[in-house]
Amino acid sequence: MNIVIFGPPGAGKGTQSTKLKDKFGLVHISTGDVFRALDPSSDLAKLAKSYSDQGNLVPDDITIKILQSEVEKYPDAEGVIYDGFPRTTAQAEALDLFLTSKNSAISMALALEVEEEELRSRLKNRAIDSGRPDDADPAIIQNRIDVYNAQTAPVANHYKSQGKYVGVHGIGSIDEIFDRLCDAVQNKVT
């Protein structure tokens, strides 16, 4: 089972991915975590940081290479939850091709649907709680939301056309949202 968890910055993808990973025995691959774990002195890390510090997406070719390398670390995985990837239609198409080459496919795209004002509030709180300076600047927050709306939201159509898109109301307690996501997974898989 391969799941894309989809939604704007601050929707709760990381929090819910961790819970879904544990419940369904999946490997959790977060592109944000992978980028942050790169050797900060490497050229690749510096390049990725130069984009993300401005609230922009890292170019597709770089992101795809890093993600493929990360997936290769788990050859015996029962499935993967992709958190923060794909962020563009080109990345979604590249992921489809990559998984097809491994006789696999995306099972579903779970989309956390959250209004922008709630996202801004969550990101400001995350900056304080998690020490994420990229979430502290209102201009960067708005740019990240705008980039999501312009570049990532269209990825939904890719998965809708495949019948794999499942929208989930992303407001409520962590456990309420998790229960909705679990219901969506169980309804789609069974």
N, C-alpha and C. Protein backbone atom coordinates (compact mmCIF):
# COMPACT_ATOMS: atom_id res chain seq x y z
N MET A 1 0.85 -1.18 0.00
CA MET A 1 0.00 0.00 0.00
C MET A 1 0.89 1.24 0.00
N ASN A 2 0.75 2.06 -1.00
CA ASN A 2 1.51 3.31 -1.10
C ASN A 2 0.52 4.47 -1.05
N ILE A 3 0.73 5.36 -0.10
CA ILE A 3 -0.19 6.47 0.11
C ILE A 3 0.55 7.79 -0.03
N VAL A 4 -0.04 8.70 -0.78
CA VAL A 4 0.42 10.08 -0.80
C VAL A 4 -0.46 10.84 0.19
N ILE A 5 0.16 11.52 1.15
CA ILE A 5 -0.62 12.40 2.02
C ILE A 5 -0.39 13.81 1.51
N PHE A 6 -1.48 14.47 1.28
CA PHE A 6 -1.51 15.66 0.46
C PHE A 6 -2.21 16.78 1.22
N GLY A 7 -1.71 17.97 1.10
CA GLY A 7 -2.37 19.11 1.73
C GLY A 7 -1.41 20.27 1.85
N PRO A 8 -1.95 21.44 2.13
CA PRO A 8 -1.12 22.65 2.22
C PRO A 8 -0.21 22.61 3.44
N PRO A 9 0.78 23.52 3.48
CA PRO A 9 1.65 23.60 4.65
C PRO A 9 0.82 23.88 5.89
N GLY A 10 1.07 23.10 6.93
CA GLY A 10 0.33 23.27 8.18
C GLY A 10 -0.94 22.46 8.28
N ALA A 11 -1.24 21.65 7.27
CA ALA A 11 -2.47 20.85 7.27
C ALA A 11 -2.40 19.69 8.25
N GLY A 12 -1.18 19.29 8.64
CA GLY A 12 -1.03 18.18 9.57
C GLY A 12 -0.49 16.92 8.92
N LYS A 13 0.13 17.04 7.75
CA LYS A 13 0.63 15.87 7.04
C LYS A 13 1.65 15.08 7.86
N GLY A 14 2.61 15.78 8.46
CA GLY A 14 3.65 15.09 9.23
C GLY A 14 3.09 14.39 10.45
N THR A 15 2.25 15.09 11.18
CA THR A 15 1.63 14.51 12.39
C THR A 15 0.82 13.27 12.03
N GLN A 16 -0.02 13.39 11.01
CA GLN A 16 -0.89 12.27 10.65
C GLN A 16 -0.11 11.14 9.97
N SER A 17 0.93 11.49 9.22
CA SER A 17 1.74 10.44 8.57
C SER A 17 2.37 9.52 9.59
N THR A 18 2.87 10.09 10.68
CA THR A 18 3.49 9.28 11.72
C THR A 18 2.48 8.30 12.31
N LYS A 19 1.28 8.78 12.55
CA LYS A 19 0.23 7.91 13.11
C LYS A 19 -0.19 6.83 12.10
N LEU A 20 -0.33 7.22 10.83
CA LEU A 20 -0.72 6.25 9.80
C LEU A 20 0.37 5.21 9.59
N LYS A 21 1.62 5.65 9.63
CA LYS A 21 2.76 4.74 9.48
C LYS A 21 2.68 3.64 10.55
N ASP A 22 2.46 4.05 11.77
CA ASP A 22 2.39 3.08 12.87
C ASP A 22 1.19 2.15 12.73
N LYS A 23 0.04 2.69 12.38
CA LYS A 23 -1.18 1.89 12.29
C LYS A 23 -1.12 0.86 11.16
N PHE A 24 -0.58 1.26 10.00
CA PHE A 24 -0.63 0.40 8.83
C PHE A 24 0.72 -0.23 8.47
N GLY A 25 1.75 -0.02 9.30
CA GLY A 25 3.05 -0.65 9.06
C GLY A 25 3.76 -0.15 7.81
N LEU A 26 3.66 1.14 7.56
CA LEU A 26 4.26 1.74 6.37
C LEU A 26 5.58 2.43 6.71
N VAL A 27 6.40 2.62 5.71
CA VAL A 27 7.59 3.46 5.83
C VAL A 27 7.12 4.89 5.58
N HIS A 28 7.56 5.82 6.40
CA HIS A 28 7.19 7.23 6.26
C HIS A 28 8.36 7.97 5.63
N ILE A 29 8.12 8.54 4.45
CA ILE A 29 9.16 9.34 3.80
C ILE A 29 8.62 10.75 3.66
N SER A 30 9.25 11.65 4.40
CA SER A 30 8.90 13.07 4.36
C SER A 30 10.01 13.80 3.61
N THR A 31 9.66 14.42 2.50
CA THR A 31 10.70 15.13 1.75
C THR A 31 11.29 16.26 2.59
N GLY A 32 10.46 16.91 3.39
CA GLY A 32 10.98 17.98 4.25
C GLY A 32 12.03 17.45 5.21
N ASP A 33 11.73 16.30 5.86
CA ASP A 33 12.70 15.69 6.78
C ASP A 33 13.95 15.25 6.04
N VAL A 34 13.78 14.69 4.84
CA VAL A 34 14.93 14.23 4.06
C VAL A 34 15.82 15.42 3.71
N PHE A 35 15.22 16.52 3.27
CA PHE A 35 16.00 17.72 2.94
C PHE A 35 16.72 18.26 4.18
N ARG A 36 16.01 18.30 5.32
CA ARG A 36 16.62 18.82 6.54
C ARG A 36 17.74 17.92 7.05
N ALA A 37 17.71 16.62 6.68
CA ALA A 37 18.72 15.67 7.14
C ALA A 37 19.96 15.62 6.25
N LEU A 38 19.91 16.32 5.11
CA LEU A 38 21.08 16.34 4.24
C LEU A 38 22.26 16.99 4.96
N ASP A 39 23.46 16.55 4.63
CA ASP A 39 24.66 17.17 5.19
C ASP A 39 24.63 18.66 4.83
N PRO A 40 24.52 19.55 5.85
CA PRO A 40 24.35 20.97 5.57
C PRO A 40 25.50 21.60 4.78
N SER A 41 26.64 20.94 4.77
CA SER A 41 27.77 21.51 4.02
C SER A 41 27.79 21.04 2.56
N SER A 42 26.88 20.09 2.22
CA SER A 42 26.87 19.59 0.84
C SER A 42 26.24 20.63 -0.10
N ASP A 43 26.65 20.58 -1.34
CA ASP A 43 26.10 21.49 -2.35
C ASP A 43 24.60 21.27 -2.51
N LEU A 44 24.19 20.00 -2.46
CA LEU A 44 22.77 19.69 -2.61
C LEU A 44 21.95 20.30 -1.48
N ALA A 45 22.43 20.17 -0.26
CA ALA A 45 21.71 20.74 0.89
C ALA A 45 21.64 22.25 0.77
N LYS A 46 22.73 22.88 0.39
CA LYS A 46 22.74 24.34 0.24
C LYS A 46 21.76 24.78 -0.83
N LEU A 47 21.71 24.04 -1.93
CA LEU A 47 20.80 24.38 -3.01
C LEU A 47 19.34 24.22 -2.55
N ALA A 48 19.04 23.08 -1.92
CA ALA A 48 17.68 22.86 -1.43
C ALA A 48 17.28 23.92 -0.42
N LYS A 49 18.19 24.26 0.48
CA LYS A 49 17.91 25.26 1.52
C LYS A 49 17.66 26.63 0.90
N SER A 50 18.37 26.96 -0.17
CA SER A 50 18.19 28.26 -0.80
C SER A 50 16.76 28.43 -1.33
N TYR A 51 16.15 27.34 -1.77
CA TYR A 51 14.76 27.40 -2.24
C TYR A 51 13.80 27.42 -1.06
N SER A 52 13.96 26.48 -0.13
CA SER A 52 13.00 26.35 0.96
C SER A 52 13.02 27.54 1.91
N ASP A 53 14.17 28.18 2.08
CA ASP A 53 14.24 29.36 2.95
C ASP A 53 13.35 30.49 2.46
N GLN A 54 13.08 30.52 1.18
CA GLN A 54 12.21 31.55 0.60
C GLN A 54 10.76 31.09 0.51
N GLY A 55 10.50 29.85 0.93
CA GLY A 55 9.15 29.31 0.85
C GLY A 55 8.83 28.73 -0.52
N ASN A 56 9.86 28.51 -1.35
CA ASN A 56 9.66 27.98 -2.69
C ASN A 56 9.95 26.49 -2.73
N LEU A 57 9.44 25.82 -3.76
CA LEU A 57 9.69 24.40 -3.92
C LEU A 57 11.08 24.16 -4.49
N VAL A 58 11.72 23.09 -4.03
CA VAL A 58 12.98 22.65 -4.61
C VAL A 58 12.65 22.11 -6.00
N PRO A 59 13.46 22.40 -7.02
CA PRO A 59 13.14 21.94 -8.39
C PRO A 59 12.89 20.43 -8.47
N ASP A 60 12.00 20.08 -9.40
CA ASP A 60 11.55 18.70 -9.54
C ASP A 60 12.69 17.71 -9.70
N ASP A 61 13.67 18.00 -10.57
CA ASP A 61 14.72 17.01 -10.85
C ASP A 61 15.52 16.68 -9.59
N ILE A 62 15.78 17.67 -8.77
CA ILE A 62 16.52 17.44 -7.52
C ILE A 62 15.67 16.63 -6.55
N THR A 63 14.42 17.04 -6.38
CA THR A 63 13.53 16.37 -5.44
C THR A 63 13.31 14.91 -5.82
N ILE A 64 13.11 14.66 -7.10
CA ILE A 64 12.85 13.29 -7.56
C ILE A 64 14.06 12.39 -7.30
N LYS A 65 15.26 12.87 -7.59
CA LYS A 65 16.47 12.07 -7.35
C LYS A 65 16.62 11.74 -5.86
N ILE A 66 16.39 12.73 -5.02
CA ILE A 66 16.52 12.51 -3.58
C ILE A 66 15.47 11.52 -3.10
N LEU A 67 14.24 11.66 -3.56
CA LEU A 67 13.17 10.76 -3.14
C LEU A 67 13.44 9.33 -3.60
N GLN A 68 13.84 9.15 -4.84
CA GLN A 68 14.13 7.79 -5.33
C GLN A 68 15.23 7.14 -4.51
N SER A 69 16.25 7.91 -4.17
CA SER A 69 17.34 7.40 -3.34
C SER A 69 16.82 6.98 -1.97
N GLU A 70 15.92 7.75 -1.42
CA GLU A 70 15.34 7.44 -0.10
C GLU A 70 14.49 6.17 -0.16
N VAL A 71 13.67 6.02 -1.18
CA VAL A 71 12.82 4.84 -1.32
C VAL A 71 13.67 3.58 -1.46
N GLU A 72 14.79 3.68 -2.17
CA GLU A 72 15.68 2.54 -2.38
C GLU A 72 16.25 2.00 -1.06
N LYS A 73 16.22 2.80 0.00
CA LYS A 73 16.73 2.35 1.30
C LYS A 73 15.81 1.32 1.96
N TYR A 74 14.59 1.15 1.43
CA TYR A 74 13.59 0.28 2.05
C TYR A 74 13.06 -0.74 1.04
N PRO A 75 13.92 -1.64 0.56
CA PRO A 75 13.48 -2.57 -0.49
C PRO A 75 12.41 -3.56 -0.03
N ASP A 76 12.31 -3.81 1.26
CA ASP A 76 11.35 -4.80 1.76
C ASP A 76 10.12 -4.17 2.41
N ALA A 77 9.90 -2.89 2.18
CA ALA A 77 8.78 -2.19 2.81
C ALA A 77 7.44 -2.75 2.32
N GLU A 78 6.49 -2.83 3.25
CA GLU A 78 5.13 -3.26 2.92
C GLU A 78 4.39 -2.15 2.17
N GLY A 79 4.88 -0.94 2.30
CA GLY A 79 4.28 0.21 1.65
C GLY A 79 4.93 1.48 2.18
N VAL A 80 4.63 2.58 1.52
CA VAL A 80 5.24 3.86 1.87
C VAL A 80 4.15 4.91 1.96
N ILE A 81 4.30 5.79 2.95
CA ILE A 81 3.47 6.98 2.98
C ILE A 81 4.37 8.14 2.58
N TYR A 82 4.00 8.79 1.49
CA TYR A 82 4.77 9.91 0.94
C TYR A 82 4.19 11.21 1.50
N ASP A 83 4.99 11.87 2.31
CA ASP A 83 4.58 13.09 3.01
C ASP A 83 5.34 14.26 2.38
N GLY A 84 4.61 15.14 1.71
CA GLY A 84 5.26 16.29 1.08
C GLY A 84 5.77 16.00 -0.33
N PHE A 85 5.35 14.90 -0.89
CA PHE A 85 5.73 14.54 -2.25
C PHE A 85 4.62 13.68 -2.82
N PRO A 86 4.21 13.91 -4.02
CA PRO A 86 4.69 14.89 -4.98
C PRO A 86 4.07 16.27 -4.75
N ARG A 87 4.83 17.29 -5.14
CA ARG A 87 4.36 18.67 -4.99
C ARG A 87 4.06 19.34 -6.32
N THR A 88 4.33 18.65 -7.40
CA THR A 88 3.98 19.16 -8.73
C THR A 88 3.46 17.98 -9.55
N THR A 89 2.74 18.30 -10.62
CA THR A 89 2.25 17.24 -11.49
C THR A 89 3.41 16.45 -12.09
N ALA A 90 4.50 17.14 -12.44
CA ALA A 90 5.67 16.44 -12.98
C ALA A 90 6.23 15.44 -11.96
N GLN A 91 6.24 15.81 -10.68
CA GLN A 91 6.70 14.88 -9.65
C GLN A 91 5.74 13.70 -9.51
N ALA A 92 4.44 13.95 -9.61
CA ALA A 92 3.45 12.86 -9.53
C ALA A 92 3.65 11.87 -10.68
N GLU A 93 3.88 12.41 -11.87
CA GLU A 93 4.13 11.55 -13.03
C GLU A 93 5.43 10.77 -12.87
N ALA A 94 6.47 11.42 -12.34
CA ALA A 94 7.75 10.74 -12.12
C ALA A 94 7.60 9.64 -11.06
N LEU A 95 6.82 9.91 -10.02
CA LEU A 95 6.58 8.90 -8.98
C LEU A 95 5.84 7.70 -9.58
N ASP A 96 4.85 7.96 -10.41
CA ASP A 96 4.12 6.86 -11.06
C ASP A 96 5.08 5.99 -11.88
N LEU A 97 5.95 6.63 -12.67
CA LEU A 97 6.90 5.88 -13.49
C LEU A 97 7.88 5.08 -12.63
N PHE A 98 8.37 5.71 -11.58
CA PHE A 98 9.32 5.05 -10.67
C PHE A 98 8.67 3.83 -10.02
N LEU A 99 7.45 3.99 -9.52
CA LEU A 99 6.76 2.87 -8.87
C LEU A 99 6.41 1.78 -9.87
N THR A 100 6.01 2.16 -11.07
CA THR A 100 5.73 1.17 -12.11
C THR A 100 6.96 0.33 -12.40
N SER A 101 8.14 0.96 -12.39
CA SER A 101 9.38 0.22 -12.63
C SER A 101 9.66 -0.79 -11.52
N LYS A 102 9.00 -0.61 -10.38
CA LYS A 102 9.15 -1.53 -9.25
C LYS A 102 7.91 -2.41 -9.08
N ASN A 103 7.08 -2.47 -10.14
CA ASN A 103 5.82 -3.24 -10.11
C ASN A 103 4.92 -2.82 -8.95
N SER A 104 4.82 -1.52 -8.76
CA SER A 104 4.00 -0.97 -7.69
C SER A 104 3.26 0.25 -8.22
N ALA A 105 2.46 0.86 -7.34
CA ALA A 105 1.70 2.05 -7.72
C ALA A 105 1.21 2.75 -6.46
N ILE A 106 0.79 3.98 -6.62
CA ILE A 106 0.14 4.71 -5.53
C ILE A 106 -1.24 4.09 -5.34
N SER A 107 -1.58 3.76 -4.10
CA SER A 107 -2.89 3.21 -3.78
C SER A 107 -3.93 4.31 -3.67
N MET A 108 -3.52 5.42 -3.04
CA MET A 108 -4.45 6.53 -2.82
C MET A 108 -3.71 7.80 -2.46
N ALA A 109 -4.38 8.92 -2.71
CA ALA A 109 -3.87 10.23 -2.29
C ALA A 109 -4.85 10.78 -1.28
N LEU A 110 -4.44 10.80 -0.02
CA LEU A 110 -5.26 11.35 1.06
C LEU A 110 -5.00 12.84 1.15
N ALA A 111 -6.03 13.64 0.98
CA ALA A 111 -5.88 15.09 0.98
C ALA A 111 -6.49 15.68 2.25
N LEU A 112 -5.65 16.31 3.07
CA LEU A 112 -6.14 17.03 4.25
C LEU A 112 -6.63 18.40 3.80
N GLU A 113 -7.90 18.66 3.97
CA GLU A 113 -8.51 19.91 3.51
C GLU A 113 -8.69 20.85 4.69
N VAL A 114 -7.95 21.98 4.66
CA VAL A 114 -7.92 22.94 5.77
C VAL A 114 -7.96 24.36 5.19
N GLU A 115 -8.76 25.24 5.81
CA GLU A 115 -8.86 26.63 5.35
C GLU A 115 -7.57 27.39 5.65
N GLU A 116 -7.29 28.43 4.84
CA GLU A 116 -6.03 29.18 4.94
C GLU A 116 -5.82 29.85 6.30
N GLU A 117 -6.84 30.42 6.89
CA GLU A 117 -6.65 31.10 8.18
C GLU A 117 -6.19 30.09 9.25
N GLU A 118 -6.75 28.91 9.23
CA GLU A 118 -6.34 27.85 10.16
C GLU A 118 -4.89 27.44 9.88
N LEU A 119 -4.50 27.38 8.62
CA LEU A 119 -3.12 27.04 8.26
C LEU A 119 -2.15 28.06 8.83
N ARG A 120 -2.46 29.35 8.66
CA ARG A 120 -1.57 30.40 9.18
C ARG A 120 -1.42 30.26 10.69
N SER A 121 -2.50 30.01 11.38
CA SER A 121 -2.45 29.85 12.84
C SER A 121 -1.60 28.64 13.23
N ARG A 122 -1.79 27.53 12.56
CA ARG A 122 -1.02 26.32 12.86
C ARG A 122 0.46 26.53 12.60
N LEU A 123 0.79 27.19 11.49
CA LEU A 123 2.20 27.40 11.17
C LEU A 123 2.87 28.32 12.18
N LYS A 124 2.18 29.37 12.61
CA LYS A 124 2.74 30.25 13.64
C LYS A 124 3.01 29.47 14.93
N ASN A 125 2.07 28.61 15.30
CA ASN A 125 2.26 27.79 16.51
C ASN A 125 3.39 26.79 16.33
N ARG A 126 3.52 26.22 15.13
CA ARG A 126 4.60 25.26 14.87
C ARG A 126 5.96 25.94 14.97
N ALA A 127 6.04 27.19 14.54
CA ALA A 127 7.30 27.93 14.64
C ALA A 127 7.75 28.02 16.09
N ILE A 128 6.79 28.21 16.98
CA ILE A 128 7.10 28.33 18.41
C ILE A 128 7.38 26.95 19.01
N ASP A 129 6.48 25.99 18.75
CA ASP A 129 6.57 24.67 19.38
C ASP A 129 7.71 23.82 18.86
N SER A 130 8.00 23.92 17.56
CA SER A 130 8.98 23.02 16.95
C SER A 130 10.27 23.72 16.54
N GLY A 131 10.35 25.02 16.80
CA GLY A 131 11.57 25.73 16.43
C GLY A 131 11.81 25.76 14.93
N ARG A 132 10.73 25.85 14.16
CA ARG A 132 10.85 25.90 12.70
C ARG A 132 10.82 27.37 12.26
N PRO A 133 11.99 27.99 12.08
CA PRO A 133 12.03 29.41 11.73
C PRO A 133 11.34 29.73 10.40
N ASP A 134 11.25 28.72 9.51
CA ASP A 134 10.57 28.95 8.23
C ASP A 134 9.08 29.20 8.41
N ASP A 135 8.55 28.85 9.58
CA ASP A 135 7.14 29.05 9.86
C ASP A 135 6.86 30.33 10.65
N ALA A 136 7.89 31.09 10.98
CA ALA A 136 7.70 32.26 11.84
C ALA A 136 7.38 33.55 11.07
N ASP A 137 7.79 33.63 9.84
CA ASP A 137 7.63 34.85 9.06
C ASP A 137 6.31 34.82 8.28
N PRO A 138 5.38 35.75 8.56
CA PRO A 138 4.09 35.74 7.87
C PRO A 138 4.22 35.82 6.34
N ALA A 139 5.22 36.54 5.84
CA ALA A 139 5.39 36.65 4.38
C ALA A 139 5.81 35.30 3.79
N ILE A 140 6.69 34.59 4.48
CA ILE A 140 7.10 33.26 3.99
C ILE A 140 5.93 32.28 4.10
N ILE A 141 5.17 32.37 5.20
CA ILE A 141 3.99 31.51 5.34
C ILE A 141 3.04 31.73 4.16
N GLN A 142 2.75 32.99 3.87
CA GLN A 142 1.81 33.28 2.77
C GLN A 142 2.38 32.81 1.44
N ASN A 143 3.68 32.99 1.25
CA ASN A 143 4.30 32.51 0.01
C ASN A 143 4.18 31.00 -0.11
N ARG A 144 4.39 30.29 0.98
CA ARG A 144 4.27 28.83 0.95
C ARG A 144 2.84 28.41 0.60
N ILE A 145 1.86 29.10 1.16
CA ILE A 145 0.46 28.79 0.83
C ILE A 145 0.18 29.12 -0.63
N ASP A 146 0.68 30.27 -1.10
CA ASP A 146 0.48 30.66 -2.50
C ASP A 146 1.14 29.68 -3.45
N VAL A 147 2.37 29.24 -3.12
CA VAL A 147 3.07 28.26 -3.95
C VAL A 147 2.29 26.95 -3.97
N TYR A 148 1.78 26.55 -2.82
CA TYR A 148 0.96 25.33 -2.74
C TYR A 148 -0.24 25.46 -3.68
N ASN A 149 -0.97 26.57 -3.57
CA ASN A 149 -2.17 26.77 -4.38
C ASN A 149 -1.86 26.78 -5.87
N ALA A 150 -0.73 27.37 -6.25
CA ALA A 150 -0.39 27.49 -7.66
C ALA A 150 0.24 26.22 -8.24
N GLN A 151 1.11 25.57 -7.46
CA GLN A 151 1.90 24.47 -8.01
C GLN A 151 1.49 23.09 -7.51
N THR A 152 1.07 22.98 -6.25
CA THR A 152 0.80 21.67 -5.69
C THR A 152 -0.67 21.29 -5.76
N ALA A 153 -1.57 22.23 -5.51
CA ALA A 153 -3.00 21.90 -5.56
C ALA A 153 -3.40 21.23 -6.88
N PRO A 154 -2.81 21.64 -8.03
CA PRO A 154 -3.17 20.95 -9.29
C PRO A 154 -2.83 19.46 -9.32
N VAL A 155 -1.95 19.00 -8.43
CA VAL A 155 -1.62 17.58 -8.38
C VAL A 155 -2.87 16.76 -8.03
N ALA A 156 -3.82 17.38 -7.34
CA ALA A 156 -5.07 16.68 -7.01
C ALA A 156 -5.73 16.13 -8.27
N ASN A 157 -5.70 16.90 -9.35
CA ASN A 157 -6.33 16.46 -10.59
C ASN A 157 -5.67 15.20 -11.14
N HIS A 158 -4.35 15.09 -10.94
CA HIS A 158 -3.63 13.89 -11.38
C HIS A 158 -4.23 12.65 -10.70
N TYR A 159 -4.42 12.74 -9.39
CA TYR A 159 -4.95 11.59 -8.65
C TYR A 159 -6.45 11.44 -8.82
N LYS A 160 -7.17 12.53 -9.01
CA LYS A 160 -8.61 12.43 -9.29
C LYS A 160 -8.83 11.67 -10.59
N SER A 161 -8.02 11.97 -11.60
CA SER A 161 -8.18 11.30 -12.90
C SER A 161 -7.90 9.80 -12.81
N GLN A 162 -7.15 9.39 -11.79
CA GLN A 162 -6.85 7.97 -11.58
C GLN A 162 -7.82 7.32 -10.59
N GLY A 163 -8.74 8.12 -10.03
CA GLY A 163 -9.68 7.60 -9.04
C GLY A 163 -9.03 7.30 -7.70
N LYS A 164 -7.92 7.98 -7.41
CA LYS A 164 -7.16 7.70 -6.18
C LYS A 164 -7.24 8.82 -5.15
N TYR A 165 -7.88 9.91 -5.48
CA TYR A 165 -7.94 11.09 -4.60
C TYR A 165 -9.06 10.92 -3.58
N VAL A 166 -8.74 11.14 -2.30
CA VAL A 166 -9.74 11.09 -1.24
C VAL A 166 -9.55 12.32 -0.35
N GLY A 167 -10.51 13.23 -0.39
CA GLY A 167 -10.46 14.42 0.46
C GLY A 167 -10.95 14.11 1.86
N VAL A 168 -10.22 14.63 2.87
CA VAL A 168 -10.57 14.40 4.27
C VAL A 168 -10.58 15.74 4.99
N HIS A 169 -11.65 16.01 5.73
CA HIS A 169 -11.76 17.25 6.50
C HIS A 169 -10.64 17.28 7.54
N GLY A 170 -9.77 18.30 7.45
CA GLY A 170 -8.56 18.36 8.27
C GLY A 170 -8.66 19.28 9.47
N ILE A 171 -9.87 19.56 9.95
CA ILE A 171 -10.03 20.40 11.14
C ILE A 171 -10.64 19.55 12.24
N GLY A 172 -10.13 19.71 13.44
CA GLY A 172 -10.58 18.95 14.60
C GLY A 172 -9.37 18.54 15.41
N SER A 173 -9.58 17.67 16.36
CA SER A 173 -8.45 17.19 17.15
C SER A 173 -7.60 16.25 16.28
N ILE A 174 -6.37 16.05 16.69
CA ILE A 174 -5.48 15.14 15.97
C ILE A 174 -6.12 13.76 15.84
N ASP A 175 -6.72 13.28 16.93
CA ASP A 175 -7.33 11.95 16.90
C ASP A 175 -8.58 11.90 16.02
N GLU A 176 -9.38 12.97 16.01
CA GLU A 176 -10.56 13.00 15.14
C GLU A 176 -10.15 12.94 13.67
N ILE A 177 -9.14 13.72 13.33
CA ILE A 177 -8.66 13.73 11.94
C ILE A 177 -8.06 12.37 11.59
N PHE A 178 -7.30 11.80 12.52
CA PHE A 178 -6.70 10.48 12.30
C PHE A 178 -7.79 9.43 12.05
N ASP A 179 -8.85 9.47 12.84
CA ASP A 179 -9.95 8.51 12.64
C ASP A 179 -10.55 8.64 11.24
N ARG A 180 -10.71 9.89 10.77
CA ARG A 180 -11.25 10.10 9.42
C ARG A 180 -10.30 9.52 8.37
N LEU A 181 -9.00 9.74 8.57
CA LEU A 181 -8.01 9.22 7.63
C LEU A 181 -8.02 7.68 7.62
N CYS A 182 -8.08 7.09 8.79
CA CYS A 182 -8.13 5.61 8.87
C CYS A 182 -9.37 5.06 8.18
N ASP A 183 -10.52 5.72 8.39
CA ASP A 183 -11.74 5.29 7.70
C ASP A 183 -11.55 5.36 6.19
N ALA A 184 -10.92 6.45 5.72
CA ALA A 184 -10.69 6.63 4.28
C ALA A 184 -9.79 5.55 3.73
N VAL A 185 -8.72 5.21 4.46
CA VAL A 185 -7.80 4.16 4.02
C VAL A 185 -8.54 2.82 3.97
N GLN A 186 -9.25 2.50 5.04
CA GLN A 186 -9.92 1.21 5.10
C GLN A 186 -11.02 1.09 4.04
N ASN A 187 -11.71 2.19 3.76
CA ASN A 187 -12.75 2.17 2.72
C ASN A 187 -12.15 2.02 1.33
N LYS A 188 -10.98 2.58 1.11
CA LYS A 188 -10.35 2.54 -0.21
C LYS A 188 -9.67 1.20 -0.45
N VAL A 189 -9.08 0.64 0.58
CA VAL A 189 -8.28 -0.58 0.43
C VAL A 189 -9.15 -1.83 0.42
N THR A 190 -10.27 -1.76 1.13
CA THR A 190 -11.11 -2.98 1.21
C THR A 190 -12.12 -3.08 0.09
